[in-house]
Amino acid sequence: MLYGNFPFHANDVTKLEKLILTGKYELPNEISFEAKDLLARILDSNPSTRLSIAEIYAHSWMQDIDYSSIT
């Protein structure tokens, strides 16, 4: 959503699934540190350390968003 591409890239579904389950992905250098940090913590393959919805909203990258216009 930030860059118009998915973070996981593979030539077949089996390889794609492995990348997703292991949390191996690449992000473009143009994405800010804060955005990379947020994505890394959302895409964490360990459910116990992955960010919750409340933690996502509290993340520094999310602080400048005006939620009043979102229905």
N, C-alpha and C. Protein backbone atom coordinates (compact mmCIF):
# COMPACT_ATOMS: atom_id res chain seq x y z
N MET A 1 0.82 -1.19 0.00
CA MET A 1 0.00 0.00 0.00
C MET A 1 0.87 1.26 0.00
N LEU A 2 2.03 1.18 0.58
CA LEU A 2 2.92 2.34 0.60
C LEU A 2 3.61 2.56 -0.73
N TYR A 3 3.88 1.47 -1.42
CA TYR A 3 4.72 1.55 -2.60
C TYR A 3 4.08 0.93 -3.84
N GLY A 4 2.89 0.38 -3.70
CA GLY A 4 2.19 -0.18 -4.84
C GLY A 4 2.60 -1.60 -5.19
N ASN A 5 3.32 -2.26 -4.29
CA ASN A 5 3.75 -3.64 -4.51
C ASN A 5 3.61 -4.43 -3.23
N PHE A 6 3.48 -5.74 -3.37
CA PHE A 6 3.49 -6.61 -2.21
C PHE A 6 4.93 -6.78 -1.72
N PRO A 7 5.14 -6.98 -0.42
CA PRO A 7 6.51 -7.16 0.07
C PRO A 7 7.09 -8.54 -0.24
N PHE A 8 6.23 -9.51 -0.54
CA PHE A 8 6.69 -10.87 -0.83
C PHE A 8 6.63 -11.13 -2.32
N HIS A 9 7.73 -11.64 -2.88
CA HIS A 9 7.81 -11.93 -4.31
C HIS A 9 8.37 -13.34 -4.52
N ALA A 10 7.68 -14.14 -5.31
CA ALA A 10 8.15 -15.49 -5.63
C ALA A 10 7.55 -15.92 -6.96
N ASN A 11 8.19 -16.92 -7.58
CA ASN A 11 7.75 -17.40 -8.88
C ASN A 11 6.63 -18.42 -8.81
N ASP A 12 6.41 -19.01 -7.63
CA ASP A 12 5.30 -19.96 -7.50
C ASP A 12 4.70 -19.86 -6.09
N VAL A 13 3.54 -20.44 -5.93
CA VAL A 13 2.79 -20.33 -4.69
C VAL A 13 3.52 -20.96 -3.51
N THR A 14 4.18 -22.08 -3.73
CA THR A 14 4.89 -22.76 -2.66
C THR A 14 6.01 -21.87 -2.10
N LYS A 15 6.77 -21.26 -2.98
CA LYS A 15 7.85 -20.37 -2.54
C LYS A 15 7.28 -19.12 -1.87
N LEU A 16 6.18 -18.61 -2.41
CA LEU A 16 5.54 -17.45 -1.82
C LEU A 16 5.06 -17.75 -0.40
N GLU A 17 4.44 -18.90 -0.24
CA GLU A 17 3.97 -19.30 1.09
C GLU A 17 5.12 -19.40 2.08
N LYS A 18 6.24 -19.98 1.65
CA LYS A 18 7.41 -20.10 2.51
C LYS A 18 7.93 -18.72 2.93
N LEU A 19 7.99 -17.79 1.99
CA LEU A 19 8.44 -16.43 2.30
C LEU A 19 7.52 -15.77 3.32
N ILE A 20 6.22 -15.92 3.13
CA ILE A 20 5.25 -15.31 4.04
C ILE A 20 5.37 -15.92 5.44
N LEU A 21 5.44 -17.24 5.52
CA LEU A 21 5.50 -17.92 6.81
C LEU A 21 6.80 -17.64 7.56
N THR A 22 7.88 -17.43 6.83
CA THR A 22 9.16 -17.14 7.49
C THR A 22 9.40 -15.65 7.65
N GLY A 23 8.53 -14.83 7.05
CA GLY A 23 8.66 -13.38 7.20
C GLY A 23 9.82 -12.79 6.43
N LYS A 24 10.17 -13.40 5.31
CA LYS A 24 11.29 -12.89 4.51
C LYS A 24 10.74 -12.05 3.36
N TYR A 25 11.11 -10.78 3.36
CA TYR A 25 10.62 -9.85 2.35
C TYR A 25 11.63 -8.73 2.18
N GLU A 26 11.45 -7.96 1.14
CA GLU A 26 12.30 -6.81 0.88
C GLU A 26 11.43 -5.58 0.68
N LEU A 27 11.90 -4.46 1.21
CA LEU A 27 11.21 -3.19 1.04
C LEU A 27 12.12 -2.22 0.31
N PRO A 28 11.57 -1.34 -0.51
CA PRO A 28 12.39 -0.37 -1.22
C PRO A 28 13.07 0.60 -0.26
N ASN A 29 14.24 1.09 -0.63
CA ASN A 29 14.97 2.04 0.19
C ASN A 29 14.23 3.35 0.38
N GLU A 30 13.33 3.68 -0.54
CA GLU A 30 12.62 4.96 -0.50
C GLU A 30 11.61 5.05 0.65
N ILE A 31 11.27 3.93 1.24
CA ILE A 31 10.31 3.93 2.35
C ILE A 31 11.03 4.38 3.61
N SER A 32 10.39 5.25 4.38
CA SER A 32 11.01 5.80 5.58
C SER A 32 11.30 4.73 6.63
N PHE A 33 12.21 5.06 7.54
CA PHE A 33 12.55 4.14 8.63
C PHE A 33 11.30 3.79 9.45
N GLU A 34 10.48 4.81 9.75
CA GLU A 34 9.28 4.58 10.56
C GLU A 34 8.31 3.62 9.85
N ALA A 35 8.14 3.80 8.55
CA ALA A 35 7.24 2.92 7.79
C ALA A 35 7.81 1.51 7.75
N LYS A 36 9.12 1.37 7.54
CA LYS A 36 9.75 0.04 7.54
C LYS A 36 9.59 -0.64 8.88
N ASP A 37 9.76 0.13 9.95
CA ASP A 37 9.60 -0.42 11.30
C ASP A 37 8.18 -0.93 11.51
N LEU A 38 7.20 -0.12 11.13
CA LEU A 38 5.80 -0.52 11.28
C LEU A 38 5.51 -1.78 10.48
N LEU A 39 5.93 -1.82 9.23
CA LEU A 39 5.68 -3.00 8.40
C LEU A 39 6.38 -4.24 8.97
N ALA A 40 7.60 -4.10 9.43
CA ALA A 40 8.33 -5.24 10.01
C ALA A 40 7.59 -5.79 11.22
N ARG A 41 7.03 -4.90 12.02
CA ARG A 41 6.34 -5.33 13.22
C ARG A 41 4.94 -5.88 12.92
N ILE A 42 4.32 -5.43 11.83
CA ILE A 42 3.04 -5.99 11.40
C ILE A 42 3.25 -7.36 10.76
N LEU A 43 4.31 -7.49 9.98
CA LEU A 43 4.58 -8.74 9.25
C LEU A 43 5.40 -9.73 10.07
N ASP A 44 5.59 -9.48 11.34
CA ASP A 44 6.31 -10.38 12.24
C ASP A 44 5.67 -11.76 12.18
N SER A 45 6.45 -12.79 11.90
CA SER A 45 5.89 -14.14 11.78
C SER A 45 5.55 -14.76 13.13
N ASN A 46 5.97 -14.14 14.21
CA ASN A 46 5.66 -14.63 15.55
C ASN A 46 4.41 -13.90 16.08
N PRO A 47 3.30 -14.59 16.21
CA PRO A 47 2.06 -13.94 16.65
C PRO A 47 2.17 -13.28 18.02
N SER A 48 3.02 -13.80 18.90
CA SER A 48 3.10 -13.23 20.25
C SER A 48 3.87 -11.91 20.28
N THR A 49 4.67 -11.62 19.26
CA THR A 49 5.40 -10.35 19.22
C THR A 49 4.88 -9.42 18.12
N ARG A 50 3.97 -9.90 17.29
CA ARG A 50 3.37 -9.08 16.23
C ARG A 50 2.51 -7.98 16.86
N LEU A 51 2.47 -6.82 16.22
CA LEU A 51 1.70 -5.70 16.75
C LEU A 51 0.20 -5.99 16.73
N SER A 52 -0.47 -5.52 17.76
CA SER A 52 -1.93 -5.57 17.80
C SER A 52 -2.46 -4.36 17.04
N ILE A 53 -3.75 -4.32 16.80
CA ILE A 53 -4.36 -3.17 16.13
C ILE A 53 -4.11 -1.89 16.93
N ALA A 54 -4.28 -1.95 18.24
CA ALA A 54 -4.05 -0.78 19.09
C ALA A 54 -2.59 -0.32 18.99
N GLU A 55 -1.65 -1.25 18.94
CA GLU A 55 -0.24 -0.90 18.82
C GLU A 55 0.07 -0.31 17.45
N ILE A 56 -0.62 -0.79 16.43
CA ILE A 56 -0.44 -0.22 15.08
C ILE A 56 -0.88 1.24 15.09
N TYR A 57 -2.06 1.52 15.64
CA TYR A 57 -2.55 2.90 15.70
C TYR A 57 -1.64 3.79 16.55
N ALA A 58 -0.97 3.23 17.55
CA ALA A 58 -0.10 4.01 18.43
C ALA A 58 1.30 4.21 17.86
N HIS A 59 1.63 3.50 16.80
CA HIS A 59 2.98 3.60 16.21
C HIS A 59 3.24 5.02 15.72
N SER A 60 4.49 5.46 15.79
CA SER A 60 4.86 6.82 15.41
C SER A 60 4.51 7.15 13.97
N TRP A 61 4.58 6.20 13.06
CA TRP A 61 4.26 6.47 11.65
C TRP A 61 2.78 6.80 11.47
N MET A 62 1.94 6.31 12.36
CA MET A 62 0.49 6.49 12.25
C MET A 62 0.00 7.77 12.93
N GLN A 63 0.86 8.52 13.57
CA GLN A 63 0.42 9.64 14.40
C GLN A 63 -0.11 10.84 13.62
N ASP A 64 0.28 11.05 12.40
CA ASP A 64 -0.16 12.21 11.64
C ASP A 64 -1.41 11.95 10.79
N ILE A 65 -2.06 10.83 10.97
CA ILE A 65 -3.24 10.48 10.18
C ILE A 65 -4.50 11.05 10.85
N ASP A 66 -5.33 11.69 10.06
CA ASP A 66 -6.60 12.22 10.56
C ASP A 66 -7.66 11.13 10.39
N TYR A 67 -8.01 10.48 11.47
CA TYR A 67 -8.97 9.38 11.44
C TYR A 67 -10.41 9.86 11.39
N SER A 68 -10.65 11.15 11.57
CA SER A 68 -12.03 11.65 11.61
C SER A 68 -12.74 11.52 10.27
N SER A 69 -11.99 11.47 9.17
CA SER A 69 -12.61 11.36 7.85
C SER A 69 -12.82 9.91 7.41
N ILE A 70 -12.39 8.97 8.23
CA ILE A 70 -12.52 7.55 7.91
C ILE A 70 -13.81 7.02 8.53
N THR A 71 -14.63 6.38 7.70
CA THR A 71 -15.89 5.84 8.23
C THR A 71 -15.79 4.38 8.49
